[in-house]
Amino acid sequence: EGNEPGDSMKITYRELLHKVCQFANILRSQGVKKGDRVSIYLPMILELVIAMLACARIGALHSVVFAGFSADSLCERILDCGCFLLIT
């Protein structure tokens, strides 16, 4: 379910696994490996869950940064975690 009432989507476990594996391969192709830090800057959509699970699948640490922060706060949070990649 998304932020708005009535904002929802259904997906099977098989479809989710397929999308997570695809995205994990994309992360690997970008050089992300076990122990790397990844920041995720996405709204409450399916791709946020896929990105989080893909990071967990390859052993990368993820940090979700929410859009409610100011640009300076976002910058500080992203730099503080020393992220290797930012997903937007």
Protein backbone atom coordinates (compact mmCIF):
# COMPACT_ATOMS: atom_id res chain seq x y z
CA GLU A 1 0.00 0.00 0.00
CA GLY A 2 1.18 3.49 -0.83
CA ASN A 3 0.77 6.74 1.07
CA GLU A 4 -2.60 7.60 -0.45
CA PRO A 5 -5.77 5.66 0.44
CA GLY A 6 -6.62 3.33 -2.38
CA ASP A 7 -3.02 3.40 -3.63
CA SER A 8 -2.17 -0.30 -3.72
CA MET A 9 -0.66 -2.97 -5.93
CA LYS A 10 -0.60 -6.76 -5.86
CA ILE A 11 2.45 -8.82 -6.74
CA THR A 12 3.20 -12.52 -6.29
CA TYR A 13 6.23 -13.79 -4.42
CA ARG A 14 7.57 -15.17 -7.71
CA GLU A 15 7.26 -11.78 -9.43
CA LEU A 16 8.89 -10.07 -6.46
CA LEU A 17 11.78 -12.55 -6.42
CA HIS A 18 12.31 -12.03 -10.15
CA LYS A 19 12.40 -8.23 -9.79
CA VAL A 20 14.69 -8.39 -6.74
CA CYS A 21 17.15 -10.68 -8.55
CA GLN A 22 17.12 -8.40 -11.60
CA PHE A 23 17.84 -5.35 -9.48
CA ALA A 24 20.53 -7.18 -7.47
CA ASN A 25 22.26 -7.94 -10.77
CA ILE A 26 22.04 -4.27 -11.74
CA LEU A 27 23.59 -3.29 -8.40
CA ARG A 28 26.40 -5.81 -8.94
CA SER A 29 27.02 -4.44 -12.44
CA GLN A 30 27.43 -0.99 -10.84
CA GLY A 31 30.14 -2.39 -8.56
CA VAL A 32 28.09 -2.77 -5.37
CA LYS A 33 29.34 -5.66 -3.25
CA LYS A 34 28.86 -7.14 0.20
CA GLY A 35 29.42 -4.55 2.93
CA ASP A 36 28.99 -1.51 0.66
CA ARG A 37 26.54 1.16 1.77
CA VAL A 38 23.66 2.19 -0.47
CA SER A 39 21.29 5.12 0.12
CA ILE A 40 17.76 4.86 -1.24
CA TYR A 41 15.79 8.04 -1.94
CA LEU A 42 12.38 6.87 -3.16
CA PRO A 43 8.74 7.43 -2.20
CA MET A 44 6.60 4.58 -0.82
CA ILE A 45 6.44 2.58 -4.06
CA LEU A 46 7.14 -1.03 -4.97
CA GLU A 47 10.60 -0.12 -6.26
CA LEU A 48 11.61 0.95 -2.74
CA VAL A 49 10.92 -2.55 -1.43
CA ILE A 50 12.68 -4.12 -4.41
CA ALA A 51 15.77 -1.94 -3.86
CA MET A 52 15.89 -2.77 -0.13
CA LEU A 53 15.56 -6.52 -0.76
CA ALA A 54 18.13 -6.42 -3.57
CA CYS A 55 20.63 -4.77 -1.22
CA ALA A 56 19.97 -7.42 1.41
CA ARG A 57 20.32 -10.16 -1.22
CA ILE A 58 23.87 -9.13 -2.11
CA GLY A 59 24.85 -8.18 1.45
CA ALA A 60 24.97 -4.41 0.95
CA LEU A 61 23.80 -2.16 3.77
CA HIS A 62 20.97 0.19 2.86
CA SER A 63 19.73 3.44 4.31
CA VAL A 64 16.34 4.84 3.31
CA VAL A 65 16.33 8.65 3.12
CA PHE A 66 12.86 10.20 3.13
CA ALA A 67 11.93 13.22 1.01
CA GLY A 68 10.62 15.25 3.96
CA PHE A 69 14.11 16.52 4.80
CA SER A 70 15.69 19.70 3.46
CA ALA A 71 18.37 19.46 0.78
CA ASP A 72 21.10 20.13 3.38
CA SER A 73 19.77 17.40 5.68
CA LEU A 74 19.63 14.95 2.79
CA CYS A 75 23.19 15.77 1.85
CA GLU A 76 24.42 15.31 5.43
CA ARG A 77 22.66 11.97 5.85
CA ILE A 78 23.95 10.62 2.56
CA LEU A 79 27.53 11.76 3.23
CA ASP A 80 27.43 10.57 6.87
CA CYS A 81 26.70 6.99 5.88
CA GLY A 82 29.51 7.06 3.29
CA CYS A 83 27.31 5.54 0.63
CA PHE A 84 28.75 3.92 -2.46
CA LEU A 85 25.57 4.42 -4.51
CA LEU A 86 22.41 6.53 -4.32
CA ILE A 87 19.20 5.04 -5.73
CA THR A 88 16.58 7.62 -6.74
